[in-house]
Structures are given as structure tokens and as C-alpha cells.
Amino acid sequence: MSDFTNARGYPIGEMSKRTGVNIETIRYYERINIMPKPDRTAGGNRQYNHDQLKRLSFIKTSRELGFSIDEIRALLEMVDREDFTCGEVHGLTIGHLASVREKIKGLRKLEKALVGMAAECSQGNVPDCPILETLFQTRTRSKPALPT
């Protein structure tokens, strides 16, 4: 890979290659102001600096860990202020962890329901299918259609 660390900076394609972030996603991050607007060449091409490359890597890693755009924005605002405390970052991370745990809890309930539906299926060669019957059941608030 060529080294674009000279004064020209990194073109958007190089940013994408180095971080694994899609070019359109990079542009989106600029539009929503979590990535600063890069300098432009005389021809109008984006030229990013090393700090912007690091910031994009930060955003990508944060997204991979499931942080929302708003959570990432809050983290970046702390970094940009340069007077954040580790306690502030920890608090935001603990809040995110609680959200992840809730999602896992919901996924476990979903898994249990799907296991129950699959267990009722004989996988026979008849047109009656208990899985489809369950999916077609009319649900009411007092009587859930799926096992819990």
C-alpha cells in the first residue's frame, strides 16, 4: 500500500481502504458532523489528515461495539473538549453495556420462542405446518401467540 502521509493527506478512497469504512459512510459521517469536513484539493477532492484517519477508526471501532451515533457523538464531544474524565467515559460505557444486556435478554426470549416453534414441527410431508400456524395466529394482548 502506498504511503499517503505526506502533505497531500489521504484521499477518501485511501481512508476507506485503511479503515474498512465505506466511502458513502464516510460522507454520511461528515454530513452528520461526527467527522470534520476535510480540506479539498484544487480539483475538489477530499484530503484527510492523520487525525481524521484516527477519528474515523475510532468511529468504526465504536460502531462495531454497538455504540449508537448519539453515543459516539457524546464520546467525541468529550474528546474534542479535551477536559473529559475517565469517569465520564466509563459512565457512558456502562449505560451502553446495560443496553446491550437488554438486547441479549430480548434475543434469548426470541431464541426460546423459535426453539419452541421448531420443536412442534414434525417436518413431515403434509401441508399442515405448526410454525406457519403460529405465525398466522391472531395476537391479542392477553394471549401471546408465541411461547415465552
Protein backbone atom coordinates (compact mmCIF):
# COMPACT_ATOMS: atom_id res chain seq x y z
CA MET A 1 0.00 0.00 0.00
CA SER A 2 1.35 3.40 -0.85
CA ASP A 3 2.10 5.86 1.92
CA PHE A 4 -0.13 8.93 1.80
CA THR A 5 1.26 10.53 4.95
CA ASN A 6 2.80 13.38 3.01
CA ALA A 7 1.37 16.91 2.90
CA ARG A 8 -1.29 15.88 0.38
CA GLY A 9 -3.16 13.87 3.01
CA TYR A 10 -5.37 10.87 2.42
CA PRO A 11 -7.91 10.75 -0.40
CA ILE A 12 -11.30 9.33 0.57
CA GLY A 13 -10.56 6.00 -1.14
CA GLU A 14 -7.42 5.60 0.95
CA MET A 15 -9.38 6.41 4.11
CA SER A 16 -11.87 3.74 3.15
CA LYS A 17 -9.15 1.14 2.48
CA ARG A 18 -7.27 1.86 5.70
CA THR A 19 -10.34 1.79 7.95
CA GLY A 20 -12.72 -0.55 6.15
CA VAL A 21 -15.40 2.16 6.20
CA ASN A 22 -17.43 2.53 3.01
CA ILE A 23 -16.88 5.80 1.13
CA GLU A 24 -20.58 6.70 1.33
CA THR A 25 -20.49 6.08 5.08
CA ILE A 26 -17.53 8.45 5.42
CA ARG A 27 -19.52 11.12 3.56
CA TYR A 28 -22.52 10.41 5.82
CA TYR A 29 -20.35 10.89 8.94
CA GLU A 30 -19.29 14.27 7.54
CA ARG A 31 -22.92 15.27 6.88
CA ILE A 32 -23.95 14.43 10.47
CA ASN A 33 -20.86 16.22 11.81
CA ILE A 34 -19.08 13.41 13.61
CA MET A 35 -16.29 13.61 11.05
CA PRO A 36 -14.89 17.08 10.36
CA LYS A 37 -15.02 18.32 6.81
CA PRO A 38 -11.67 17.62 5.16
CA ASP A 39 -9.59 20.04 3.17
CA ARG A 40 -10.15 19.93 -0.58
CA THR A 41 -7.72 19.85 -3.45
CA ALA A 42 -7.94 22.42 -6.24
CA GLY A 43 -9.99 19.81 -8.11
CA GLY A 44 -12.42 19.48 -5.18
CA ASN A 45 -11.26 16.08 -3.92
CA ARG A 46 -11.32 15.42 -0.19
CA GLN A 47 -7.94 15.25 1.55
CA TYR A 48 -7.97 13.91 5.10
CA ASN A 49 -5.19 14.27 7.66
CA HIS A 50 -3.87 11.68 10.11
CA ASP A 51 -6.08 12.92 12.97
CA GLN A 52 -9.15 12.43 10.76
CA LEU A 53 -7.95 8.90 9.95
CA LYS A 54 -7.66 8.17 13.68
CA ARG A 55 -11.12 9.65 14.29
CA LEU A 56 -12.67 7.50 11.57
CA SER A 57 -11.02 4.42 13.07
CA PHE A 58 -12.45 5.41 16.47
CA ILE A 59 -15.94 5.73 14.96
CA LYS A 60 -15.67 2.38 13.20
CA THR A 61 -14.50 0.57 16.34
CA SER A 62 -17.26 2.23 18.35
CA ARG A 63 -19.88 1.14 15.80
CA GLU A 64 -18.53 -2.42 15.87
CA LEU A 65 -19.05 -2.37 19.65
CA GLY A 66 -22.65 -1.32 19.07
CA PHE A 67 -22.43 2.28 20.21
CA SER A 68 -25.14 4.42 18.64
CA ILE A 69 -24.34 7.51 16.62
CA ASP A 70 -25.54 9.65 19.56
CA GLU A 71 -23.27 7.76 21.97
CA ILE A 72 -20.33 8.17 19.60
CA ARG A 73 -21.14 11.86 19.25
CA ALA A 74 -21.10 12.18 23.06
CA LEU A 75 -17.75 10.38 23.29
CA LEU A 76 -16.26 12.54 20.56
CA GLU A 77 -17.56 15.71 22.21
CA MET A 78 -15.72 14.63 25.38
CA VAL A 79 -12.54 14.05 23.38
CA ASP A 80 -12.90 17.34 21.50
CA ARG A 81 -13.40 19.30 24.75
CA GLU A 82 -10.12 17.86 26.00
CA ASP A 83 -11.23 18.09 29.63
CA PHE A 84 -13.18 14.88 29.99
CA THR A 85 -12.69 12.44 32.82
CA CYS A 86 -12.33 8.72 32.60
CA GLY A 87 -15.37 8.57 34.88
CA GLU A 88 -17.50 10.30 32.23
CA VAL A 89 -16.40 7.82 29.58
CA HIS A 90 -16.97 4.95 32.00
CA GLY A 91 -20.50 6.17 32.73
CA LEU A 92 -21.39 6.30 29.06
CA THR A 93 -19.88 2.84 28.53
CA ILE A 94 -21.81 1.36 31.47
CA GLY A 95 -25.02 2.82 30.03
CA HIS A 96 -24.25 1.20 26.70
CA LEU A 97 -23.46 -2.10 28.42
CA ALA A 98 -26.89 -2.05 30.09
CA SER A 99 -28.50 -1.53 26.69
CA VAL A 100 -26.52 -4.44 25.22
CA ARG A 101 -27.59 -6.68 28.10
CA GLU A 102 -31.25 -5.78 27.46
CA LYS A 103 -30.83 -6.69 23.80
CA ILE A 104 -29.25 -10.02 24.77
CA LYS A 105 -32.16 -10.70 27.11
CA GLY A 106 -34.59 -9.99 24.26
CA LEU A 107 -32.62 -12.22 21.89
CA ARG A 108 -32.72 -15.06 24.42
CA LYS A 109 -36.52 -14.75 24.59
CA LEU A 110 -36.63 -14.77 20.80
CA GLU A 111 -34.40 -17.84 20.69
CA LYS A 112 -36.66 -19.65 23.19
CA ALA A 113 -39.74 -18.85 21.10
CA LEU A 114 -38.10 -20.08 17.88
CA VAL A 115 -36.83 -23.26 19.55
CA GLY A 116 -40.37 -23.93 20.79
CA MET A 117 -41.86 -23.38 17.34
CA ALA A 118 -39.27 -25.62 15.69
CA ALA A 119 -39.83 -28.36 18.30
CA GLU A 120 -43.53 -28.50 17.42
CA CYS A 121 -42.79 -29.13 13.76
CA SER A 122 -42.75 -32.75 12.62
CA GLN A 123 -41.04 -31.77 9.35
CA GLY A 124 -43.47 -34.09 7.58
CA ASN A 125 -44.72 -34.05 4.04
CA VAL A 126 -48.16 -32.72 4.94
CA PRO A 127 -49.38 -29.20 4.21
CA ASP A 128 -50.11 -28.51 7.89
CA CYS A 129 -47.21 -26.70 9.48
CA PRO A 130 -47.33 -25.66 13.14
CA ILE A 131 -44.70 -22.97 12.53
CA LEU A 132 -46.85 -21.26 9.90
CA GLU A 133 -49.94 -21.70 12.09
CA THR A 134 -48.16 -19.94 14.93
CA LEU A 135 -47.08 -17.11 12.66
CA PHE A 136 -50.62 -16.69 11.34
CA GLN A 137 -52.23 -16.67 14.80
CA THR A 138 -54.08 -13.52 15.72
CA ARG A 139 -52.35 -12.00 18.70
CA THR A 140 -54.11 -10.23 21.49
CA ARG A 141 -52.60 -8.50 24.48
CA SER A 142 -53.99 -11.05 26.90
CA LYS A 143 -52.88 -14.11 24.92
CA PRO A 144 -49.46 -14.10 23.25
CA ALA A 145 -49.14 -16.36 20.22
CA LEU A 146 -45.52 -17.30 20.87
CA PRO A 147 -44.30 -19.36 23.78
CA THR A 148 -42.40 -17.36 26.41
